[in-house]
Amino acid sequence: MPENTDYMILGYVLGFAILLITLGSIWLRARSLDKDEALLKTLEEEE
């Protein structure tokens, strides 16, 4: 029977890395949207 443990571990590591990158991207975009929303509120109040 072939030994595939290394490939299984690599698959899990890559899957976890992709998940972390995706979550980080979502978090950064949400942070940016919060800043944009705050800027729009301040500009709206100045009018």
PDB file of N, CA and C in Angstrom:
ATOM      1  N   MET A   1       0.855  -1.187   0.000  1.00  0.00           N
ATOM      2  CA  MET A   1       0.000   0.000   0.000  1.00  0.00           C
ATOM      3  C   MET A   1       0.898   1.246   0.000  1.00  0.00           C
ATOM      4  N   PRO A   2       0.586   2.249  -0.863  1.00  0.00           N
ATOM      5  CA  PRO A   2       1.444   3.435  -0.946  1.00  0.00           C
ATOM      6  C   PRO A   2       1.336   4.303   0.311  1.00  0.00           C
ATOM      7  N   GLU A   3       2.397   5.019   0.579  1.00  0.00           N
ATOM      8  CA  GLU A   3       2.455   5.908   1.745  1.00  0.00           C
ATOM      9  C   GLU A   3       2.082   7.324   1.292  1.00  0.00           C
ATOM     10  N   ASN A   4       0.913   7.787   1.682  1.00  0.00           N
ATOM     11  CA  ASN A   4       0.403   9.096   1.248  1.00  0.00           C
ATOM     12  C   ASN A   4       0.236  10.078   2.398  1.00  0.00           C
ATOM     13  N   THR A   5       0.807   9.778   3.536  1.00  0.00           N
ATOM     14  CA  THR A   5       0.630  10.632   4.713  1.00  0.00           C
ATOM     15  C   THR A   5       1.157  12.044   4.473  1.00  0.00           C
ATOM     16  N   ASP A   6       2.286  12.168   3.791  1.00  0.00           N
ATOM     17  CA  ASP A   6       2.852  13.496   3.531  1.00  0.00           C
ATOM     18  C   ASP A   6       1.909  14.343   2.686  1.00  0.00           C
ATOM     19  N   TYR A   7       1.280  13.731   1.693  1.00  0.00           N
ATOM     20  CA  TYR A   7       0.362  14.470   0.837  1.00  0.00           C
ATOM     21  C   TYR A   7      -0.908  14.862   1.593  1.00  0.00           C
ATOM     22  N   MET A   8      -1.356  14.000   2.501  1.00  0.00           N
ATOM     23  CA  MET A   8      -2.527  14.319   3.304  1.00  0.00           C
ATOM     24  C   MET A   8      -2.234  15.513   4.208  1.00  0.00           C
ATOM     25  N   ILE A   9      -1.068  15.493   4.847  1.00  0.00           N
ATOM     26  CA  ILE A   9      -0.693  16.603   5.727  1.00  0.00           C
ATOM     27  C   ILE A   9      -0.557  17.893   4.911  1.00  0.00           C
ATOM     28  N   LEU A  10       0.071  17.805   3.756  1.00  0.00           N
ATOM     29  CA  LEU A  10       0.214  18.977   2.897  1.00  0.00           C
ATOM     30  C   LEU A  10      -1.148  19.522   2.482  1.00  0.00           C
ATOM     31  N   GLY A  11      -2.073  18.641   2.167  1.00  0.00           N
ATOM     32  CA  GLY A  11      -3.424  19.072   1.792  1.00  0.00           C
ATOM     33  C   GLY A  11      -4.126  19.800   2.924  1.00  0.00           C
ATOM     34  N   TYR A  12      -4.007  19.257   4.143  1.00  0.00           N
ATOM     35  CA  TYR A  12      -4.624  19.923   5.286  1.00  0.00           C
ATOM     36  C   TYR A  12      -3.978  21.285   5.555  1.00  0.00           C
ATOM     37  N   VAL A  13      -2.664  21.358   5.456  1.00  0.00           N
ATOM     38  CA  VAL A  13      -1.960  22.625   5.701  1.00  0.00           C
ATOM     39  C   VAL A  13      -2.371  23.666   4.660  1.00  0.00           C
ATOM     40  N   LEU A  14      -2.404  23.266   3.398  1.00  0.00           N
ATOM     41  CA  LEU A  14      -2.796  24.214   2.351  1.00  0.00           C
ATOM     42  C   LEU A  14      -4.256  24.644   2.500  1.00  0.00           C
ATOM     43  N   GLY A  15      -5.123  23.703   2.827  1.00  0.00           N
ATOM     44  CA  GLY A  15      -6.529  24.060   3.040  1.00  0.00           C
ATOM     45  C   GLY A  15      -6.698  25.039   4.188  1.00  0.00           C
ATOM     46  N   PHE A  16      -5.978  24.807   5.272  1.00  0.00           N
ATOM     47  CA  PHE A  16      -6.049  25.699   6.421  1.00  0.00           C
ATOM     48  C   PHE A  16      -5.486  27.077   6.078  1.00  0.00           C
ATOM     49  N   ALA A  17      -4.397  27.105   5.300  1.00  0.00           N
ATOM     50  CA  ALA A  17      -3.801  28.384   4.895  1.00  0.00           C
ATOM     51  C   ALA A  17      -4.769  29.168   4.014  1.00  0.00           C
ATOM     52  N   ILE A  18      -5.423  28.493   3.078  1.00  0.00           N
ATOM     53  CA  ILE A  18      -6.392  29.168   2.212  1.00  0.00           C
ATOM     54  C   ILE A  18      -7.553  29.704   3.039  1.00  0.00           C
ATOM     55  N   LEU A  19      -8.004  28.937   4.019  1.00  0.00           N
ATOM     56  CA  LEU A  19      -9.078  29.387   4.901  1.00  0.00           C
ATOM     57  C   LEU A  19      -8.663  30.636   5.676  1.00  0.00           C
ATOM     58  N   LEU A  20      -7.453  30.645   6.219  1.00  0.00           N
ATOM     59  CA  LEU A  20      -6.981  31.815   6.969  1.00  0.00           C
ATOM     60  C   LEU A  20      -6.839  33.049   6.078  1.00  0.00           C
ATOM     61  N   ILE A  21      -6.345  32.849   4.867  1.00  0.00           N
ATOM     62  CA  ILE A  21      -6.206  33.972   3.939  1.00  0.00           C
ATOM     63  C   ILE A  21      -7.574  34.544   3.591  1.00  0.00           C
ATOM     64  N   THR A  22      -8.546  33.673   3.355  1.00  0.00           N
ATOM     65  CA  THR A  22      -9.898  34.129   3.030  1.00  0.00           C
ATOM     66  C   THR A  22     -10.519  34.893   4.194  1.00  0.00           C
ATOM     67  N   LEU A  23     -10.381  34.350   5.404  1.00  0.00           N
ATOM     68  CA  LEU A  23     -10.931  35.039   6.578  1.00  0.00           C
ATOM     69  C   LEU A  23     -10.237  36.379   6.813  1.00  0.00           C
ATOM     70  N   GLY A  24      -8.930  36.430   6.614  1.00  0.00           N
ATOM     71  CA  GLY A  24      -8.204  37.689   6.760  1.00  0.00           C
ATOM     72  C   GLY A  24      -8.657  38.721   5.747  1.00  0.00           C
ATOM     73  N   SER A  25      -8.894  38.287   4.529  1.00  0.00           N
ATOM     74  CA  SER A  25      -9.364  39.191   3.486  1.00  0.00           C
ATOM     75  C   SER A  25     -10.743  39.753   3.837  1.00  0.00           C
ATOM     76  N   ILE A  26     -11.629  38.887   4.312  1.00  0.00           N
ATOM     77  CA  ILE A  26     -12.970  39.336   4.703  1.00  0.00           C
ATOM     78  C   ILE A  26     -12.875  40.329   5.853  1.00  0.00           C
ATOM     79  N   TRP A  27     -12.008  40.050   6.823  1.00  0.00           N
ATOM     80  CA  TRP A  27     -11.861  40.948   7.971  1.00  0.00           C
ATOM     81  C   TRP A  27     -11.333  42.314   7.531  1.00  0.00           C
ATOM     82  N   LEU A  28     -10.321  42.315   6.645  1.00  0.00           N
ATOM     83  CA  LEU A  28      -9.764  43.584   6.168  1.00  0.00           C
ATOM     84  C   LEU A  28     -10.789  44.379   5.375  1.00  0.00           C
ATOM     85  N   ARG A  29     -11.574  43.701   4.552  1.00  0.00           N
ATOM     86  CA  ARG A  29     -12.608  44.402   3.786  1.00  0.00           C
ATOM     87  C   ARG A  29     -13.678  44.986   4.695  1.00  0.00           C
ATOM     88  N   ALA A  30     -14.065  44.251   5.727  1.00  0.00           N
ATOM     89  CA  ALA A  30     -15.069  44.758   6.668  1.00  0.00           C
ATOM     90  C   ALA A  30     -14.534  45.979   7.405  1.00  0.00           C
ATOM     91  N   ARG A  31     -13.260  45.932   7.787  1.00  0.00           N
ATOM     92  CA  ARG A  31     -12.643  47.079   8.466  1.00  0.00           C
ATOM     93  C   ARG A  31     -12.633  48.310   7.556  1.00  0.00           C
ATOM     94  N   SER A  32     -12.302  48.080   6.291  1.00  0.00           N
ATOM     95  CA  SER A  32     -12.278  49.179   5.334  1.00  0.00           C
ATOM     96  C   SER A  32     -13.682  49.764   5.130  1.00  0.00           C
ATOM     97  N   LEU A  33     -14.677  48.884   5.074  1.00  0.00           N
ATOM     98  CA  LEU A  33     -16.049  49.368   4.915  1.00  0.00           C
ATOM     99  C   LEU A  33     -16.504  50.165   6.132  1.00  0.00           C
ATOM    100  N   ASP A  34     -16.087  49.759   7.332  1.00  0.00           N
ATOM    101  CA  ASP A  34     -16.433  50.524   8.534  1.00  0.00           C
ATOM    102  C   ASP A  34     -15.823  51.921   8.478  1.00  0.00           C
ATOM    103  N   LYS A  35     -14.586  52.026   8.018  1.00  0.00           N
ATOM    104  CA  LYS A  35     -13.946  53.333   7.894  1.00  0.00           C
ATOM    105  C   LYS A  35     -14.661  54.192   6.857  1.00  0.00           C
ATOM    106  N   ASP A  36     -15.038  53.579   5.730  1.00  0.00           N
ATOM    107  CA  ASP A  36     -15.759  54.321   4.698  1.00  0.00           C
ATOM    108  C   ASP A  36     -17.110  54.801   5.215  1.00  0.00           C
ATOM    109  N   GLU A  37     -17.791  53.959   5.973  1.00  0.00           N
ATOM    110  CA  GLU A  37     -19.085  54.337   6.524  1.00  0.00           C
ATOM    111  C   GLU A  37     -18.940  55.511   7.492  1.00  0.00           C
ATOM    112  N   ALA A  38     -17.916  55.473   8.331  1.00  0.00           N
ATOM    113  CA  ALA A  38     -17.688  56.565   9.276  1.00  0.00           C
ATOM    114  C   ALA A  38     -17.368  57.862   8.529  1.00  0.00           C
ATOM    115  N   LEU A  39     -16.583  57.766   7.466  1.00  0.00           N
ATOM    116  CA  LEU A  39     -16.264  58.955   6.671  1.00  0.00           C
ATOM    117  C   LEU A  39     -17.514  59.529   6.029  1.00  0.00           C
ATOM    118  N   LEU A  40     -18.364  58.666   5.481  1.00  0.00           N
ATOM    119  CA  LEU A  40     -19.596  59.141   4.855  1.00  0.00           C
ATOM    120  C   LEU A  40     -20.515  59.806   5.871  1.00  0.00           C
ATOM    121  N   LYS A  41     -20.574  59.267   7.092  1.00  0.00           N
ATOM    122  CA  LYS A  41     -21.406  59.885   8.130  1.00  0.00           C
ATOM    123  C   LYS A  41     -20.890  61.268   8.496  1.00  0.00           C
ATOM    124  N   THR A  42     -19.560  61.421   8.607  1.00  0.00           N
ATOM    125  CA  THR A  42     -19.026  62.731   8.955  1.00  0.00           C
ATOM    126  C   THR A  42     -19.255  63.719   7.819  1.00  0.00           C
ATOM    127  N   LEU A  43     -19.127  63.270   6.584  1.00  0.00           N
ATOM    128  CA  LEU A  43     -19.371  64.170   5.465  1.00  0.00           C
ATOM    129  C   LEU A  43     -20.843  64.559   5.375  1.00  0.00           C
ATOM    130  N   GLU A  44     -21.714  63.623   5.718  1.00  0.00           N
ATOM    131  CA  GLU A  44     -23.146  63.912   5.676  1.00  0.00           C
ATOM    132  C   GLU A  44     -23.529  64.912   6.764  1.00  0.00           C
ATOM    133  N   GLU A  45     -22.888  64.808   7.925  1.00  0.00           N
ATOM    134  CA  GLU A  45     -23.184  65.731   9.019  1.00  0.00           C
ATOM    135  C   GLU A  45     -22.688  67.147   8.731  1.00  0.00           C
ATOM    136  N   GLU A  46     -21.641  67.277   7.922  1.00  0.00           N
ATOM    137  CA  GLU A  46     -21.089  68.587   7.618  1.00  0.00           C
ATOM    138  C   GLU A  46     -21.975  69.391   6.665  1.00  0.00           C
ATOM    139  N   GLU A  47     -22.829  68.718   5.942  1.00  0.00           N
ATOM    140  CA  GLU A  47     -23.689  69.425   4.967  1.00  0.00           C
ATOM    141  C   GLU A  47     -24.763  70.232   5.585  1.00  0.00           C
TER     142      GLU A  47
END
